[in-house]
Amino acid sequence: MIIFGTKGYLYQLAVLTLVCGRCGNPAAHVLRKRVTKFTLFFVPLFPVSTKYATQCTFCGAERKLTAQEAERLRAQDAGGAVSRPV
């Protein structure tokens, strides 16, 4: 019997101050990276998909980003936050 599946990992890349497109408030936005990995016998082997998004801490609106947009926002982050799993 072979046991396989997927497991999701969520990384917080940065906290940015942006103007929200939904509520219009200048608020903190969390830049997150979601990685789904293929697992075999509960051991993660390789990534299947990677998605980026920002979430407004004021209203909770989430906006999906491309990898290029996420890297550009992360480069603008002056804090230099280290990516860490949530």
PDB file of N, CA and C in Angstrom:
ATOM      1  N   MET A   1       0.843  -1.178   0.000  1.00  0.00           N
ATOM      2  CA  MET A   1       0.000   0.000   0.000  1.00  0.00           C
ATOM      3  C   MET A   1       0.891   1.245   0.000  1.00  0.00           C
ATOM      4  N   ILE A   2       0.626   2.148  -0.917  1.00  0.00           N
ATOM      5  CA  ILE A   2       1.379   3.399  -1.018  1.00  0.00           C
ATOM      6  C   ILE A   2       0.479   4.536  -0.541  1.00  0.00           C
ATOM      7  N   ILE A   3       1.000   5.327   0.385  1.00  0.00           N
ATOM      8  CA  ILE A   3       0.251   6.462   0.923  1.00  0.00           C
ATOM      9  C   ILE A   3       0.842   7.740   0.345  1.00  0.00           C
ATOM     10  N   PHE A   4       0.008   8.513  -0.382  1.00  0.00           N
ATOM     11  CA  PHE A   4       0.474   9.768  -0.962  1.00  0.00           C
ATOM     12  C   PHE A   4      -0.617  10.814  -0.842  1.00  0.00           C
ATOM     13  N   GLY A   5      -0.244  12.064  -1.051  1.00  0.00           N
ATOM     14  CA  GLY A   5      -1.198  13.167  -0.969  1.00  0.00           C
ATOM     15  C   GLY A   5      -0.488  14.497  -1.113  1.00  0.00           C
ATOM     16  N   THR A   6      -1.102  15.549  -0.568  1.00  0.00           N
ATOM     17  CA  THR A   6      -0.510  16.878  -0.601  1.00  0.00           C
ATOM     18  C   THR A   6      -0.605  17.505   0.787  1.00  0.00           C
ATOM     19  N   LYS A   7       0.273  18.466   1.031  1.00  0.00           N
ATOM     20  CA  LYS A   7       0.245  19.218   2.280  1.00  0.00           C
ATOM     21  C   LYS A   7       0.543  20.668   1.955  1.00  0.00           C
ATOM     22  N   GLY A   8      -0.178  21.571   2.594  1.00  0.00           N
ATOM     23  CA  GLY A   8       0.002  23.000   2.352  1.00  0.00           C
ATOM     24  C   GLY A   8       0.861  23.653   3.415  1.00  0.00           C
ATOM     25  N   TYR A   9       1.688  24.591   2.987  1.00  0.00           N
ATOM     26  CA  TYR A   9       2.543  25.379   3.875  1.00  0.00           C
ATOM     27  C   TYR A   9       2.261  26.852   3.605  1.00  0.00           C
ATOM     28  N   LEU A  10       2.188  27.653   4.673  1.00  0.00           N
ATOM     29  CA  LEU A  10       1.904  29.071   4.555  1.00  0.00           C
ATOM     30  C   LEU A  10       3.069  29.842   5.155  1.00  0.00           C
ATOM     31  N   TYR A  11       3.681  30.728   4.362  1.00  0.00           N
ATOM     32  CA  TYR A  11       4.818  31.522   4.808  1.00  0.00           C
ATOM     33  C   TYR A  11       4.438  32.996   4.806  1.00  0.00           C
ATOM     34  N   GLN A  12       4.757  33.696   5.875  1.00  0.00           N
ATOM     35  CA  GLN A  12       4.552  35.138   5.946  1.00  0.00           C
ATOM     36  C   GLN A  12       5.847  35.792   5.498  1.00  0.00           C
ATOM     37  N   LEU A  13       5.824  36.465   4.355  1.00  0.00           N
ATOM     38  CA  LEU A  13       7.032  37.039   3.781  1.00  0.00           C
ATOM     39  C   LEU A  13       7.326  38.444   4.292  1.00  0.00           C
ATOM     40  N   ALA A  14       6.285  39.267   4.474  1.00  0.00           N
ATOM     41  CA  ALA A  14       6.494  40.649   4.896  1.00  0.00           C
ATOM     42  C   ALA A  14       5.186  41.251   5.380  1.00  0.00           C
ATOM     43  N   VAL A  15       5.310  42.350   6.109  1.00  0.00           N
ATOM     44  CA  VAL A  15       4.159  43.166   6.490  1.00  0.00           C
ATOM     45  C   VAL A  15       4.410  44.539   5.899  1.00  0.00           C
ATOM     46  N   LEU A  16       3.530  44.950   4.990  1.00  0.00           N
ATOM     47  CA  LEU A  16       3.699  46.191   4.238  1.00  0.00           C
ATOM     48  C   LEU A  16       2.583  47.165   4.546  1.00  0.00           C
ATOM     49  N   THR A  17       2.858  48.449   4.469  1.00  0.00           N
ATOM     50  CA  THR A  17       1.824  49.464   4.601  1.00  0.00           C
ATOM     51  C   THR A  17       1.419  49.894   3.195  1.00  0.00           C
ATOM     52  N   LEU A  18       0.184  49.544   2.828  1.00  0.00           N
ATOM     53  CA  LEU A  18      -0.345  49.844   1.496  1.00  0.00           C
ATOM     54  C   LEU A  18      -1.742  50.429   1.642  1.00  0.00           C
ATOM     55  N   VAL A  19      -2.216  51.081   0.597  1.00  0.00           N
ATOM     56  CA  VAL A  19      -3.598  51.557   0.566  1.00  0.00           C
ATOM     57  C   VAL A  19      -4.448  50.418   0.019  1.00  0.00           C
ATOM     58  N   CYS A  20      -5.447  50.020   0.780  1.00  0.00           N
ATOM     59  CA  CYS A  20      -6.301  48.898   0.401  1.00  0.00           C
ATOM     60  C   CYS A  20      -7.190  49.285  -0.774  1.00  0.00           C
ATOM     61  N   GLY A  21      -7.308  48.393  -1.737  1.00  0.00           N
ATOM     62  CA  GLY A  21      -8.163  48.627  -2.896  1.00  0.00           C
ATOM     63  C   GLY A  21      -9.638  48.493  -2.579  1.00  0.00           C
ATOM     64  N   ARG A  22      -9.978  47.840  -1.479  1.00  0.00           N
ATOM     65  CA  ARG A  22     -11.385  47.627  -1.128  1.00  0.00           C
ATOM     66  C   ARG A  22     -11.913  48.704  -0.190  1.00  0.00           C
ATOM     67  N   CYS A  23     -11.198  48.933   0.938  1.00  0.00           N
ATOM     68  CA  CYS A  23     -11.695  49.893   1.929  1.00  0.00           C
ATOM     69  C   CYS A  23     -11.064  51.270   1.786  1.00  0.00           C
ATOM     70  N   GLY A  24      -9.950  51.384   1.048  1.00  0.00           N
ATOM     71  CA  GLY A  24      -9.320  52.673   0.817  1.00  0.00           C
ATOM     72  C   GLY A  24      -8.475  53.188   1.967  1.00  0.00           C
ATOM     73  N   ASN A  25      -8.293  52.399   3.015  1.00  0.00           N
ATOM     74  CA  ASN A  25      -7.494  52.816   4.163  1.00  0.00           C
ATOM     75  C   ASN A  25      -6.025  52.456   3.974  1.00  0.00           C
ATOM     76  N   PRO A  26      -5.123  53.341   4.388  1.00  0.00           N
ATOM     77  CA  PRO A  26      -3.708  52.959   4.414  1.00  0.00           C
ATOM     78  C   PRO A  26      -3.481  52.067   5.636  1.00  0.00           C
ATOM     79  N   ALA A  27      -3.349  50.786   5.419  1.00  0.00           N
ATOM     80  CA  ALA A  27      -3.251  49.829   6.517  1.00  0.00           C
ATOM     81  C   ALA A  27      -2.147  48.823   6.236  1.00  0.00           C
ATOM     82  N   ALA A  28      -1.812  48.060   7.252  1.00  0.00           N
ATOM     83  CA  ALA A  28      -0.823  46.999   7.101  1.00  0.00           C
ATOM     84  C   ALA A  28      -1.419  45.877   6.255  1.00  0.00           C
ATOM     85  N   HIS A  29      -0.613  45.356   5.370  1.00  0.00           N
ATOM     86  CA  HIS A  29      -0.992  44.222   4.534  1.00  0.00           C
ATOM     87  C   HIS A  29       0.047  43.134   4.737  1.00  0.00           C
ATOM     88  N   VAL A  30      -0.414  41.926   4.930  1.00  0.00           N
ATOM     89  CA  VAL A  30       0.484  40.791   5.117  1.00  0.00           C
ATOM     90  C   VAL A  30       0.703  40.134   3.764  1.00  0.00           C
ATOM     91  N   LEU A  31       1.976  39.995   3.382  1.00  0.00           N
ATOM     92  CA  LEU A  31       2.338  39.318   2.140  1.00  0.00           C
ATOM     93  C   LEU A  31       2.616  37.862   2.473  1.00  0.00           C
ATOM     94  N   ARG A  32       1.832  36.954   1.877  1.00  0.00           N
ATOM     95  CA  ARG A  32       1.937  35.530   2.195  1.00  0.00           C
ATOM     96  C   ARG A  32       2.220  34.708   0.948  1.00  0.00           C
ATOM     97  N   LYS A  33       2.906  33.595   1.183  1.00  0.00           N
ATOM     98  CA  LYS A  33       3.214  32.632   0.130  1.00  0.00           C
ATOM     99  C   LYS A  33       2.652  31.288   0.560  1.00  0.00           C
ATOM    100  N   ARG A  34       1.802  30.696  -0.279  1.00  0.00           N
ATOM    101  CA  ARG A  34       1.211  29.387   0.014  1.00  0.00           C
ATOM    102  C   ARG A  34       1.813  28.364  -0.947  1.00  0.00           C
ATOM    103  N   VAL A  35       2.449  27.329  -0.377  1.00  0.00           N
ATOM    104  CA  VAL A  35       3.085  26.289  -1.172  1.00  0.00           C
ATOM    105  C   VAL A  35       2.391  24.960  -0.876  1.00  0.00           C
ATOM    106  N   THR A  36       1.971  24.269  -1.916  1.00  0.00           N
ATOM    107  CA  THR A  36       1.387  22.935  -1.787  1.00  0.00           C
ATOM    108  C   THR A  36       2.416  21.933  -2.279  1.00  0.00           C
ATOM    109  N   LYS A  37       2.755  20.963  -1.413  1.00  0.00           N
ATOM    110  CA  LYS A  37       3.780  19.979  -1.762  1.00  0.00           C
ATOM    111  C   LYS A  37       3.176  18.582  -1.852  1.00  0.00           C
ATOM    112  N   PHE A  38       3.687  17.792  -2.790  1.00  0.00           N
ATOM    113  CA  PHE A  38       3.311  16.390  -2.940  1.00  0.00           C
ATOM    114  C   PHE A  38       4.020  15.596  -1.844  1.00  0.00           C
ATOM    115  N   THR A  39       3.288  14.713  -1.177  1.00  0.00           N
ATOM    116  CA  THR A  39       3.876  13.908  -0.111  1.00  0.00           C
ATOM    117  C   THR A  39       3.768  12.427  -0.444  1.00  0.00           C
ATOM    118  N   LEU A  40       4.776  11.687  -0.025  1.00  0.00           N
ATOM    119  CA  LEU A  40       4.797  10.241  -0.154  1.00  0.00           C
ATOM    120  C   LEU A  40       5.167   9.683   1.212  1.00  0.00           C
ATOM    121  N   PHE A  41       4.274   8.893   1.779  1.00  0.00           N
ATOM    122  CA  PHE A  41       4.431   8.383   3.136  1.00  0.00           C
ATOM    123  C   PHE A  41       4.660   9.527   4.119  1.00  0.00           C
ATOM    124  N   PHE A  42       3.882  10.622   3.954  1.00  0.00           N
ATOM    125  CA  PHE A  42       3.883  11.795   4.826  1.00  0.00           C
ATOM    126  C   PHE A  42       5.181  12.591   4.774  1.00  0.00           C
ATOM    127  N   VAL A  43       6.025  12.358   3.770  1.00  0.00           N
ATOM    128  CA  VAL A  43       7.267  13.108   3.579  1.00  0.00           C
ATOM    129  C   VAL A  43       7.068  14.040   2.387  1.00  0.00           C
ATOM    130  N   PRO A  44       7.154  15.376   2.608  1.00  0.00           N
ATOM    131  CA  PRO A  44       7.000  16.297   1.478  1.00  0.00           C
ATOM    132  C   PRO A  44       8.170  16.161   0.508  1.00  0.00           C
ATOM    133  N   LEU A  45       7.844  15.953  -0.788  1.00  0.00           N
ATOM    134  CA  LEU A  45       8.891  15.711  -1.780  1.00  0.00           C
ATOM    135  C   LEU A  45       9.175  16.911  -2.671  1.00  0.00           C
ATOM    136  N   PHE A  46       8.147  17.469  -3.318  1.00  0.00           N
ATOM    137  CA  PHE A  46       8.371  18.586  -4.223  1.00  0.00           C
ATOM    138  C   PHE A  46       7.126  19.460  -4.265  1.00  0.00           C
ATOM    139  N   PRO A  47       7.311  20.755  -4.565  1.00  0.00           N
ATOM    140  CA  PRO A  47       6.154  21.664  -4.631  1.00  0.00           C
ATOM    141  C   PRO A  47       5.303  21.407  -5.874  1.00  0.00           C
ATOM    142  N   VAL A  48       4.003  21.417  -5.669  1.00  0.00           N
ATOM    143  CA  VAL A  48       3.050  21.237  -6.764  1.00  0.00           C
ATOM    144  C   VAL A  48       2.558  22.599  -7.249  1.00  0.00           C
ATOM    145  N   SER A  49       2.293  23.515  -6.305  1.00  0.00           N
ATOM    146  CA  SER A  49       1.859  24.862  -6.681  1.00  0.00           C
ATOM    147  C   SER A  49       2.358  25.869  -5.652  1.00  0.00           C
ATOM    148  N   THR A  50       2.545  27.095  -6.122  1.00  0.00           N
ATOM    149  CA  THR A  50       2.958  28.208  -5.274  1.00  0.00           C
ATOM    150  C   THR A  50       2.079  29.396  -5.627  1.00  0.00           C
ATOM    151  N   LYS A  51       1.470  29.999  -4.595  1.00  0.00           N
ATOM    152  CA  LYS A  51       0.591  31.147  -4.803  1.00  0.00           C
ATOM    153  C   LYS A  51       0.963  32.242  -3.818  1.00  0.00           C
ATOM    154  N   TYR A  52       0.816  33.505  -4.263  1.00  0.00           N
ATOM    155  CA  TYR A  52       1.119  34.659  -3.437  1.00  0.00           C
ATOM    156  C   TYR A  52      -0.135  35.492  -3.270  1.00  0.00           C
ATOM    157  N   ALA A  53      -0.262  36.159  -2.099  1.00  0.00           N
ATOM    158  CA  ALA A  53      -1.407  37.026  -1.855  1.00  0.00           C
ATOM    159  C   ALA A  53      -1.062  38.034  -0.763  1.00  0.00           C
ATOM    160  N   THR A  54      -1.770  39.172  -0.787  1.00  0.00           N
ATOM    161  CA  THR A  54      -1.695  40.136   0.310  1.00  0.00           C
ATOM    162  C   THR A  54      -3.064  40.180   0.958  1.00  0.00           C
ATOM    163  N   GLN A  55      -3.075  40.439   2.275  1.00  0.00           N
ATOM    164  CA  GLN A  55      -4.339  40.545   3.001  1.00  0.00           C
ATOM    165  C   GLN A  55      -4.320  41.796   3.846  1.00  0.00           C
ATOM    166  N   CYS A  56      -5.348  42.614   3.702  1.00  0.00           N
ATOM    167  CA  CYS A  56      -5.499  43.851   4.472  1.00  0.00           C
ATOM    168  C   CYS A  56      -5.852  43.495   5.909  1.00  0.00           C
ATOM    169  N   THR A  57      -5.131  44.075   6.865  1.00  0.00           N
ATOM    170  CA  THR A  57      -5.416  43.795   8.279  1.00  0.00           C
ATOM    171  C   THR A  57      -6.592  44.619   8.791  1.00  0.00           C
ATOM    172  N   PHE A  58      -7.037  45.611   8.019  1.00  0.00           N
ATOM    173  CA  PHE A  58      -8.161  46.445   8.444  1.00  0.00           C
ATOM    174  C   PHE A  58      -9.502  45.819   8.075  1.00  0.00           C
ATOM    175  N   CYS A  59      -9.668  45.435   6.805  1.00  0.00           N
ATOM    176  CA  CYS A  59     -10.957  44.893   6.360  1.00  0.00           C
ATOM    177  C   CYS A  59     -10.897  43.408   6.008  1.00  0.00           C
ATOM    178  N   GLY A  60      -9.702  42.846   5.884  1.00  0.00           N
ATOM    179  CA  GLY A  60      -9.570  41.419   5.603  1.00  0.00           C
ATOM    180  C   GLY A  60      -9.592  41.055   4.128  1.00  0.00           C
ATOM    181  N   ALA A  61      -9.616  42.061   3.250  1.00  0.00           N
ATOM    182  CA  ALA A  61      -9.642  41.786   1.812  1.00  0.00           C
ATOM    183  C   ALA A  61      -8.337  41.132   1.383  1.00  0.00           C
ATOM    184  N   GLU A  62      -8.456  40.127   0.521  1.00  0.00           N
ATOM    185  CA  GLU A  62      -7.278  39.419   0.034  1.00  0.00           C
ATOM    186  C   GLU A  62      -7.140  39.654  -1.462  1.00  0.00           C
ATOM    187  N   ARG A  63      -5.903  39.892  -1.902  1.00  0.00           N
ATOM    188  CA  ARG A  63      -5.619  40.123  -3.317  1.00  0.00           C
ATOM    189  C   ARG A  63      -4.537  39.160  -3.767  1.00  0.00           C
ATOM    190  N   LYS A  64      -4.816  38.404  -4.801  1.00  0.00           N
ATOM    191  CA  LYS A  64      -3.841  37.460  -5.326  1.00  0.00           C
ATOM    192  C   LYS A  64      -2.799  38.202  -6.154  1.00  0.00           C
ATOM    193  N   LEU A  65      -1.552  37.721  -6.093  1.00  0.00           N
ATOM    194  CA  LEU A  65      -0.446  38.346  -6.796  1.00  0.00           C
ATOM    195  C   LEU A  65       0.294  37.326  -7.642  1.00  0.00           C
ATOM    196  N   THR A  66       1.010  37.812  -8.638  1.00  0.00           N
ATOM    197  CA  THR A  66       1.922  36.950  -9.377  1.00  0.00           C
ATOM    198  C   THR A  66       3.241  36.890  -8.604  1.00  0.00           C
ATOM    199  N   ALA A  67       4.101  35.977  -8.977  1.00  0.00           N
ATOM    200  CA  ALA A  67       5.395  35.840  -8.310  1.00  0.00           C
ATOM    201  C   ALA A  67       6.234  37.110  -8.498  1.00  0.00           C
ATOM    202  N   GLN A  68       6.149  37.740  -9.665  1.00  0.00           N
ATOM    203  CA  GLN A  68       6.914  38.954  -9.935  1.00  0.00           C
ATOM    204  C   GLN A  68       6.427  40.109  -9.061  1.00  0.00           C
ATOM    205  N   GLU A  69       5.103  40.259  -8.920  1.00  0.00           N
ATOM    206  CA  GLU A  69       4.559  41.312  -8.066  1.00  0.00           C
ATOM    207  C   GLU A  69       4.964  41.098  -6.613  1.00  0.00           C
ATOM    208  N   ALA A  70       4.927  39.850  -6.163  1.00  0.00           N
ATOM    209  CA  ALA A  70       5.294  39.546  -4.776  1.00  0.00           C
ATOM    210  C   ALA A  70       6.761  39.851  -4.519  1.00  0.00           C
ATOM    211  N   GLU A  71       7.632  39.512  -5.460  1.00  0.00           N
ATOM    212  CA  GLU A  71       9.064  39.804  -5.292  1.00  0.00           C
ATOM    213  C   GLU A  71       9.324  41.304  -5.305  1.00  0.00           C
ATOM    214  N   ARG A  72       8.583  42.043  -6.132  1.00  0.00           N
ATOM    215  CA  ARG A  72       8.747  43.493  -6.171  1.00  0.00           C
ATOM    216  C   ARG A  72       8.325  44.118  -4.847  1.00  0.00           C
ATOM    217  N   LEU A  73       7.192  43.673  -4.294  1.00  0.00           N
ATOM    218  CA  LEU A  73       6.739  44.187  -2.999  1.00  0.00           C
ATOM    219  C   LEU A  73       7.706  43.800  -1.885  1.00  0.00           C
ATOM    220  N   ARG A  74       8.217  42.602  -1.946  1.00  0.00           N
ATOM    221  CA  ARG A  74       9.152  42.145  -0.919  1.00  0.00           C
ATOM    222  C   ARG A  74      10.454  42.941  -0.983  1.00  0.00           C
ATOM    223  N   ALA A  75      10.887  43.306  -2.192  1.00  0.00           N
ATOM    224  CA  ALA A  75      12.098  44.106  -2.352  1.00  0.00           C
ATOM    225  C   ALA A  75      11.901  45.517  -1.816  1.00  0.00           C
ATOM    226  N   GLN A  76      10.669  46.032  -1.894  1.00  0.00           N
ATOM    227  CA  GLN A  76      10.368  47.365  -1.379  1.00  0.00           C
ATOM    228  C   GLN A  76      10.301  47.385   0.145  1.00  0.00           C
ATOM    229  N   ASP A  77      10.115  46.232   0.753  1.00  0.00           N
ATOM    230  CA  ASP A  77      10.008  46.144   2.206  1.00  0.00           C
ATOM    231  C   ASP A  77      11.354  46.504   2.831  1.00  0.00           C
ATOM    232  N   ALA A  78      11.392  47.601   3.558  1.00  0.00           N
ATOM    233  CA  ALA A  78      12.649  48.068   4.162  1.00  0.00           C
ATOM    234  C   ALA A  78      12.987  47.292   5.424  1.00  0.00           C
ATOM    235  N   GLY A  79      12.009  46.601   6.011  1.00  0.00           N
ATOM    236  CA  GLY A  79      12.241  45.867   7.250  1.00  0.00           C
ATOM    237  C   GLY A  79      13.096  44.636   7.072  1.00  0.00           C
ATOM    238  N   GLY A  80      13.102  44.048   5.883  1.00  0.00           N
ATOM    239  CA  GLY A  80      13.904  42.852   5.638  1.00  0.00           C
ATOM    240  C   GLY A  80      13.432  41.673   6.464  1.00  0.00           C
ATOM    241  N   ALA A  81      12.121  41.468   6.530  1.00  0.00           N
ATOM    242  CA  ALA A  81      11.575  40.369   7.336  1.00  0.00           C
ATOM    243  C   ALA A  81      11.997  39.028   6.767  1.00  0.00           C
ATOM    244  N   VAL A  82      12.234  38.092   7.644  1.00  0.00           N
ATOM    245  CA  VAL A  82      12.626  36.738   7.245  1.00  0.00           C
ATOM    246  C   VAL A  82      11.358  35.917   7.057  1.00  0.00           C
ATOM    247  N   SER A  83      11.318  35.111   5.980  1.00  0.00           N
ATOM    248  CA  SER A  83      10.143  34.274   5.767  1.00  0.00           C
ATOM    249  C   SER A  83      10.064  33.214   6.831  1.00  0.00           C
ATOM    250  N   ARG A  84       8.887  33.058   7.387  1.00  0.00           N
ATOM    251  CA  ARG A  84       8.697  32.068   8.444  1.00  0.00           C
ATOM    252  C   ARG A  84       7.334  31.409   8.280  1.00  0.00           C
ATOM    253  N   PRO A  85       7.234  30.134   8.587  1.00  0.00           N
ATOM    254  CA  PRO A  85       5.939  29.456   8.471  1.00  0.00           C
ATOM    255  C   PRO A  85       4.966  29.984   9.513  1.00  0.00           C
ATOM    256  N   VAL A  86       3.689  30.004   9.137  1.00  0.00           N
ATOM    257  CA  VAL A  86       2.645  30.459  10.065  1.00  0.00           C
ATOM    258  C   VAL A  86       1.969  29.265  10.670  1.00  0.00           C
TER     259      VAL A  86
END
